[in-house]
PDB file of N, CA and C in Angstrom:
ATOM      1  N   MET A   1     -22.819-127.924 134.313  1.00  0.00           N
ATOM      2  CA  MET A   1     -22.403-129.416 134.403  1.00  0.00           C
ATOM      3  C   MET A   1     -20.993-129.533 134.834  1.00  0.00           C
ATOM      4  N   LYS A   2     -20.841-130.621 135.599  1.00  0.00           N
ATOM      5  CA  LYS A   2     -19.532-130.867 136.195  1.00  0.00           C
ATOM      6  C   LYS A   2     -18.626-131.417 135.209  1.00  0.00           C
ATOM      7  N   LYS A   3     -17.309-131.180 135.285  1.00  0.00           N
ATOM      8  CA  LYS A   3     -16.269-131.628 134.297  1.00  0.00           C
ATOM      9  C   LYS A   3     -16.022-133.049 134.486  1.00  0.00           C
ATOM     10  N   GLU A   4     -16.334-133.648 135.642  1.00  0.00           N
ATOM     11  CA  GLU A   4     -16.053-135.076 135.764  1.00  0.00           C
ATOM     12  C   GLU A   4     -16.995-136.041 135.088  1.00  0.00           C
ATOM     13  N   TYR A   5     -18.118-135.543 134.553  1.00  0.00           N
ATOM     14  CA  TYR A   5     -18.992-136.452 133.819  1.00  0.00           C
ATOM     15  C   TYR A   5     -18.379-136.886 132.545  1.00  0.00           C
ATOM     16  N   ASP A   6     -18.442-138.175 132.247  1.00  0.00           N
ATOM     17  CA  ASP A   6     -17.856-138.761 131.129  1.00  0.00           C
ATOM     18  C   ASP A   6     -18.911-139.299 130.173  1.00  0.00           C
ATOM     19  N   PHE A   7     -19.016-138.549 128.999  1.00  0.00           N
ATOM     20  CA  PHE A   7     -20.119-139.005 128.058  1.00  0.00           C
ATOM     21  C   PHE A   7     -19.515-139.724 126.853  1.00  0.00           C
ATOM     22  N   SER A   8     -18.178-140.060 126.941  1.00  0.00           N
ATOM     23  CA  SER A   8     -17.492-140.620 125.780  1.00  0.00           C
ATOM     24  C   SER A   8     -18.036-141.994 125.411  1.00  0.00           C
ATOM     25  N   LYS A   9     -18.788-142.735 126.263  1.00  0.00           N
ATOM     26  CA  LYS A   9     -19.323-144.032 126.007  1.00  0.00           C
ATOM     27  C   LYS A   9     -20.795-143.995 125.998  1.00  0.00           C
ATOM     28  N   SER A  10     -21.381-142.821 125.830  1.00  0.00           N
ATOM     29  CA  SER A  10     -22.749-142.674 125.823  1.00  0.00           C
ATOM     30  C   SER A  10     -23.427-143.178 124.558  1.00  0.00           C
ATOM     31  N   VAL A  11     -24.686-143.550 124.571  1.00  0.00           N
ATOM     32  CA  VAL A  11     -25.363-144.060 123.416  1.00  0.00           C
ATOM     33  C   VAL A  11     -26.515-143.172 123.046  1.00  0.00           C
ATOM     34  N   LYS A  12     -26.740-142.975 121.830  1.00  0.00           N
ATOM     35  CA  LYS A  12     -27.880-142.136 121.316  1.00  0.00           C
ATOM     36  C   LYS A  12     -29.201-142.816 121.778  1.00  0.00           C
ATOM     37  N   ASN A  13     -30.161-141.954 122.191  1.00  0.00           N
ATOM     38  CA  ASN A  13     -31.434-142.567 122.591  1.00  0.00           C
ATOM     39  C   ASN A  13     -32.122-143.286 121.516  1.00  0.00           C
ATOM     40  N   PRO A  14     -32.345-144.614 121.673  1.00  0.00           N
ATOM     41  CA  PRO A  14     -33.003-145.425 120.533  1.00  0.00           C
ATOM     42  C   PRO A  14     -34.406-145.093 120.363  1.00  0.00           C
ATOM     43  N   TYR A  15     -35.097-144.390 121.320  1.00  0.00           N
ATOM     44  CA  TYR A  15     -36.468-144.093 121.193  1.00  0.00           C
ATOM     45  C   TYR A  15     -36.769-142.757 120.656  1.00  0.00           C
ATOM     46  N   VAL A  16     -35.781-142.010 120.197  1.00  0.00           N
ATOM     47  CA  VAL A  16     -35.990-140.650 119.810  1.00  0.00           C
ATOM     48  C   VAL A  16     -36.897-140.537 118.546  1.00  0.00           C
ATOM     49  N   ALA A  17     -36.934-141.575 117.807  1.00  0.00           N
ATOM     50  CA  ALA A  17     -37.808-141.622 116.595  1.00  0.00           C
ATOM     51  C   ALA A  17     -39.315-141.817 116.986  1.00  0.00           C
ATOM     52  N   LYS A  18     -39.577-142.324 118.219  1.00  0.00           N
ATOM     53  CA  LYS A  18     -40.917-142.567 118.716  1.00  0.00           C
ATOM     54  C   LYS A  18     -41.484-141.478 119.572  1.00  0.00           C
ATOM     55  N   LEU A  19     -40.803-140.296 119.548  1.00  0.00           N
ATOM     56  CA  LEU A  19     -41.279-139.188 120.274  1.00  0.00           C
ATOM     57  C   LEU A  19     -42.628-138.741 119.763  1.00  0.00           C
ATOM     58  N   LYS A  20     -43.479-138.206 120.578  1.00  0.00           N
ATOM     59  CA  LYS A  20     -44.793-137.737 120.095  1.00  0.00           C
ATOM     60  C   LYS A  20     -44.696-136.334 119.515  1.00  0.00           C
ATOM     61  N   LYS A  21     -45.498-136.075 118.581  1.00  0.00           N
ATOM     62  CA  LYS A  21     -45.579-134.753 117.977  1.00  0.00           C
ATOM     63  C   LYS A  21     -46.824-133.983 118.369  1.00  0.00           C
ATOM     64  N   GLN A  22     -46.667-132.814 118.921  1.00  0.00           N
ATOM     65  CA  GLN A  22     -47.765-131.990 119.382  1.00  0.00           C
ATOM     66  C   GLN A  22     -48.529-131.474 118.124  1.00  0.00           C
ATOM     67  N   VAL A  23     -49.867-131.592 118.155  1.00  0.00           N
ATOM     68  CA  VAL A  23     -50.738-131.012 117.142  1.00  0.00           C
ATOM     69  C   VAL A  23     -51.975-130.418 117.763  1.00  0.00           C
ATOM     70  N   THR A  24     -52.585-129.598 117.010  1.00  0.00           N
ATOM     71  CA  THR A  24     -53.862-129.014 117.531  1.00  0.00           C
ATOM     72  C   THR A  24     -55.035-129.648 116.645  1.00  0.00           C
ATOM     73  N   ILE A  25     -55.968-130.056 117.387  1.00  0.00           N
ATOM     74  CA  ILE A  25     -57.101-130.825 116.747  1.00  0.00           C
ATOM     75  C   ILE A  25     -58.350-130.338 117.384  1.00  0.00           C
ATOM     76  N   ARG A  26     -59.502-130.202 116.624  1.00  0.00           N
ATOM     77  CA  ARG A  26     -60.639-129.812 117.188  1.00  0.00           C
ATOM     78  C   ARG A  26     -61.613-131.021 117.235  1.00  0.00           C
ATOM     79  N   LEU A  27     -62.099-131.360 118.445  1.00  0.00           N
ATOM     80  CA  LEU A  27     -62.923-132.519 118.702  1.00  0.00           C
ATOM     81  C   LEU A  27     -64.261-132.002 119.221  1.00  0.00           C
ATOM     82  N   GLU A  28     -65.275-132.711 118.953  1.00  0.00           N
ATOM     83  CA  GLU A  28     -66.632-132.400 119.607  1.00  0.00           C
ATOM     84  C   GLU A  28     -66.533-132.505 121.092  1.00  0.00           C
ATOM     85  N   ALA A  29     -67.250-131.695 121.770  1.00  0.00           N
ATOM     86  CA  ALA A  29     -67.276-131.675 123.199  1.00  0.00           C
ATOM     87  C   ALA A  29     -67.690-133.032 123.756  1.00  0.00           C
ATOM     88  N   GLU A  30     -68.691-133.702 123.197  1.00  0.00           N
ATOM     89  CA  GLU A  30     -69.134-134.955 123.595  1.00  0.00           C
ATOM     90  C   GLU A  30     -68.034-136.073 123.423  1.00  0.00           C
ATOM     91  N   THR A  31     -67.230-135.971 122.428  1.00  0.00           N
ATOM     92  CA  THR A  31     -66.128-136.859 122.189  1.00  0.00           C
ATOM     93  C   THR A  31     -65.161-136.797 123.319  1.00  0.00           C
ATOM     94  N   VAL A  32     -64.763-135.504 123.623  1.00  0.00           N
ATOM     95  CA  VAL A  32     -63.754-135.280 124.665  1.00  0.00           C
ATOM     96  C   VAL A  32     -64.304-135.783 126.035  1.00  0.00           C
ATOM     97  N   GLU A  33     -65.631-135.454 126.301  1.00  0.00           N
ATOM     98  CA  GLU A  33     -66.214-135.862 127.522  1.00  0.00           C
ATOM     99  C   GLU A  33     -66.258-137.399 127.686  1.00  0.00           C
ATOM    100  N   TYR A  34     -66.479-138.121 126.532  1.00  0.00           N
ATOM    101  CA  TYR A  34     -66.485-139.515 126.632  1.00  0.00           C
ATOM    102  C   TYR A  34     -65.147-140.046 127.074  1.00  0.00           C
ATOM    103  N   PHE A  35     -64.052-139.538 126.455  1.00  0.00           N
ATOM    104  CA  PHE A  35     -62.764-139.969 126.794  1.00  0.00           C
ATOM    105  C   PHE A  35     -62.319-139.591 128.225  1.00  0.00           C
ATOM    106  N   LYS A  36     -62.839-138.422 128.656  1.00  0.00           N
ATOM    107  CA  LYS A  36     -62.520-138.069 130.130  1.00  0.00           C
ATOM    108  C   LYS A  36     -63.218-138.989 131.017  1.00  0.00           C
ATOM    109  N   ILE A  37     -64.450-139.383 130.758  1.00  0.00           N
ATOM    110  CA  ILE A  37     -65.102-140.329 131.615  1.00  0.00           C
ATOM    111  C   ILE A  37     -64.368-141.693 131.608  1.00  0.00           C
ATOM    112  N   LEU A  38     -63.982-142.064 130.443  1.00  0.00           N
ATOM    113  CA  LEU A  38     -63.192-143.436 130.294  1.00  0.00           C
ATOM    114  C   LEU A  38     -61.842-143.205 131.027  1.00  0.00           C
ATOM    115  N   SER A  39     -61.366-142.088 130.994  1.00  0.00           N
ATOM    116  CA  SER A  39     -60.032-141.761 131.729  1.00  0.00           C
ATOM    117  C   SER A  39     -60.190-142.020 133.143  1.00  0.00           C
ATOM    118  N   LYS A  40     -61.303-141.508 133.796  1.00  0.00           N
ATOM    119  CA  LYS A  40     -61.601-141.728 135.232  1.00  0.00           C
ATOM    120  C   LYS A  40     -61.687-143.181 135.589  1.00  0.00           C
ATOM    121  N   GLU A  41     -62.418-143.878 134.669  1.00  0.00           N
ATOM    122  CA  GLU A  41     -62.690-145.388 134.874  1.00  0.00           C
ATOM    123  C   GLU A  41     -61.384-146.215 134.844  1.00  0.00           C
ATOM    124  N   THR A  42     -60.515-145.725 133.900  1.00  0.00           N
ATOM    125  CA  THR A  42     -59.323-146.531 133.696  1.00  0.00           C
ATOM    126  C   THR A  42     -58.050-146.064 134.436  1.00  0.00           C
ATOM    127  N   GLY A  43     -58.042-144.819 134.856  1.00  0.00           N
ATOM    128  CA  GLY A  43     -56.898-144.208 135.557  1.00  0.00           C
ATOM    129  C   GLY A  43     -55.867-143.840 134.458  1.00  0.00           C
ATOM    130  N   THR A  44     -56.255-143.726 133.252  1.00  0.00           N
ATOM    131  CA  THR A  44     -55.283-143.346 132.133  1.00  0.00           C
ATOM    132  C   THR A  44     -55.675-141.925 131.669  1.00  0.00           C
ATOM    133  N   PRO A  45     -54.718-141.015 131.456  1.00  0.00           N
ATOM    134  CA  PRO A  45     -55.016-139.722 130.998  1.00  0.00           C
ATOM    135  C   PRO A  45     -55.817-139.768 129.685  1.00  0.00           C
ATOM    136  N   TYR A  46     -56.873-138.874 129.506  1.00  0.00           N
ATOM    137  CA  TYR A  46     -57.759-138.926 128.344  1.00  0.00           C
ATOM    138  C   TYR A  46     -56.981-138.769 127.020  1.00  0.00           C
ATOM    139  N   GLN A  47     -55.913-137.941 126.995  1.00  0.00           N
ATOM    140  CA  GLN A  47     -55.097-137.754 125.825  1.00  0.00           C
ATOM    141  C   GLN A  47     -54.477-138.953 125.414  1.00  0.00           C
ATOM    142  N   THR A  48     -54.021-139.713 126.370  1.00  0.00           N
ATOM    143  CA  THR A  48     -53.329-141.012 126.075  1.00  0.00           C
ATOM    144  C   THR A  48     -54.334-141.998 125.480  1.00  0.00           C
ATOM    145  N   LEU A  49     -55.549-142.010 126.009  1.00  0.00           N
ATOM    146  CA  LEU A  49     -56.610-142.875 125.574  1.00  0.00           C
ATOM    147  C   LEU A  49     -56.913-142.571 124.010  1.00  0.00           C
ATOM    148  N   ILE A  50     -57.065-141.215 123.729  1.00  0.00           N
ATOM    149  CA  ILE A  50     -57.313-140.773 122.377  1.00  0.00           C
ATOM    150  C   ILE A  50     -56.204-141.255 121.510  1.00  0.00           C
ATOM    151  N   ASN A  51     -54.991-140.970 122.010  1.00  0.00           N
ATOM    152  CA  ASN A  51     -53.835-141.382 121.122  1.00  0.00           C
ATOM    153  C   ASN A  51     -53.776-142.944 120.865  1.00  0.00           C
ATOM    154  N   SER A  52     -54.060-143.712 121.985  1.00  0.00           N
ATOM    155  CA  SER A  52     -54.032-145.178 121.790  1.00  0.00           C
ATOM    156  C   SER A  52     -55.043-145.622 120.883  1.00  0.00           C
ATOM    157  N   TYR A  53     -56.347-145.025 120.928  1.00  0.00           N
ATOM    158  CA  TYR A  53     -57.365-145.375 120.028  1.00  0.00           C
ATOM    159  C   TYR A  53     -56.989-145.049 118.520  1.00  0.00           C
ATOM    160  N   LEU A  54     -56.494-143.875 118.285  1.00  0.00           N
ATOM    161  CA  LEU A  54     -56.012-143.505 116.963  1.00  0.00           C
ATOM    162  C   LEU A  54     -54.947-144.341 116.447  1.00  0.00           C
ATOM    163  N   THR A  55     -54.068-144.613 117.391  1.00  0.00           N
ATOM    164  CA  THR A  55     -52.876-145.472 116.983  1.00  0.00           C
ATOM    165  C   THR A  55     -53.388-146.834 116.577  1.00  0.00           C
ATOM    166  N   ASP A  56     -54.312-147.418 117.314  1.00  0.00           N
ATOM    167  CA  ASP A  56     -54.832-148.736 116.973  1.00  0.00           C
ATOM    168  C   ASP A  56     -55.574-148.730 115.642  1.00  0.00           C
ATOM    169  N   CYS A  57     -56.362-147.627 115.414  1.00  0.00           N
ATOM    170  CA  CYS A  57     -57.001-147.520 114.079  1.00  0.00           C
ATOM    171  C   CYS A  57     -55.960-147.493 113.012  1.00  0.00           C
ATOM    172  N   ALA A  58     -54.941-146.742 113.119  1.00  0.00           N
ATOM    173  CA  ALA A  58     -53.911-146.582 112.080  1.00  0.00           C
ATOM    174  C   ALA A  58     -53.186-147.913 111.871  1.00  0.00           C
ATOM    175  N   LYS A  59     -52.895-148.588 112.944  1.00  0.00           N
ATOM    176  CA  LYS A  59     -52.136-149.930 112.764  1.00  0.00           C
ATOM    177  C   LYS A  59     -53.030-150.952 112.072  1.00  0.00           C
ATOM    178  N   ARG A  60     -54.336-150.902 112.315  1.00  0.00           N
ATOM    179  CA  ARG A  60     -55.216-151.828 111.655  1.00  0.00           C
ATOM    180  C   ARG A  60     -55.830-151.302 110.377  1.00  0.00           C
ATOM    181  N   HIS A  61     -55.385-150.154 109.939  1.00  0.00           N
ATOM    182  CA  HIS A  61     -55.858-149.488 108.633  1.00  0.00           C
ATOM    183  C   HIS A  61     -57.376-149.379 108.590  1.00  0.00           C
ATOM    184  N   ILE A  62     -57.913-148.974 109.705  1.00  0.00           N
ATOM    185  CA  ILE A  62     -59.371-148.742 109.824  1.00  0.00           C
ATOM    186  C   ILE A  62     -59.698-147.374 109.127  1.00  0.00           C
ATOM    187  N   LYS A  63     -60.564-147.386 108.228  1.00  0.00           N
ATOM    188  CA  LYS A  63     -60.947-146.166 107.610  1.00  0.00           C
ATOM    189  C   LYS A  63     -62.308-145.772 108.013  1.00  0.00           C
ATOM    190  N   PRO A  64     -62.530-144.455 108.242  1.00  0.00           N
ATOM    191  CA  PRO A  64     -63.869-143.963 108.730  1.00  0.00           C
ATOM    192  C   PRO A  64     -64.992-144.244 107.706  1.00  0.00           C
ATOM    193  N   HIS A  65     -66.142-144.521 108.097  1.00  0.00           N
ATOM    194  CA  HIS A  65     -67.295-144.578 107.245  1.00  0.00           C
ATOM    195  C   HIS A  65     -68.073-143.404 107.315  1.00  0.00           C
ATOM    196  N   LEU A  66     -67.919-142.483 106.494  1.00  0.00           N
ATOM    197  CA  LEU A  66     -68.498-141.180 106.412  1.00  0.00           C
ATOM    198  C   LEU A  66     -69.614-141.099 105.314  1.00  0.00           C
ATOM    199  N   ARG A  67     -70.767-140.552 105.676  1.00  0.00           N
ATOM    200  CA  ARG A  67     -71.849-140.334 104.730  1.00  0.00           C
ATOM    201  C   ARG A  67     -72.224-138.841 104.805  1.00  0.00           C
ATOM    202  N   TRP A  68     -72.020-138.206 103.818  1.00  0.00           N
ATOM    203  CA  TRP A  68     -72.442-136.745 103.722  1.00  0.00           C
ATOM    204  C   TRP A  68     -73.790-136.548 103.295  1.00  0.00           C
ATOM    205  N   ALA A  69     -74.539-135.891 103.989  1.00  0.00           N
ATOM    206  CA  ALA A  69     -76.016-135.674 103.735  1.00  0.00           C
ATOM    207  C   ALA A  69     -76.122-134.586 102.601  1.00  0.00           C
TER     208      ALA A  69
END
């Protein structure tokens, strides 16, 4: 880094708290394929679509309806 750079008036990144966290998740192949098809239709990466859907569910406090056989 060059010595002439002046960071004395720099500001901390305000979006640092909104950074994404990498996780490992197992999804059914049909679910991933659905989002990949949707991805091609919309031009949005499938992982972004999955994240957007889950984020929307969380914001609206949608709970899954599960019935165990």
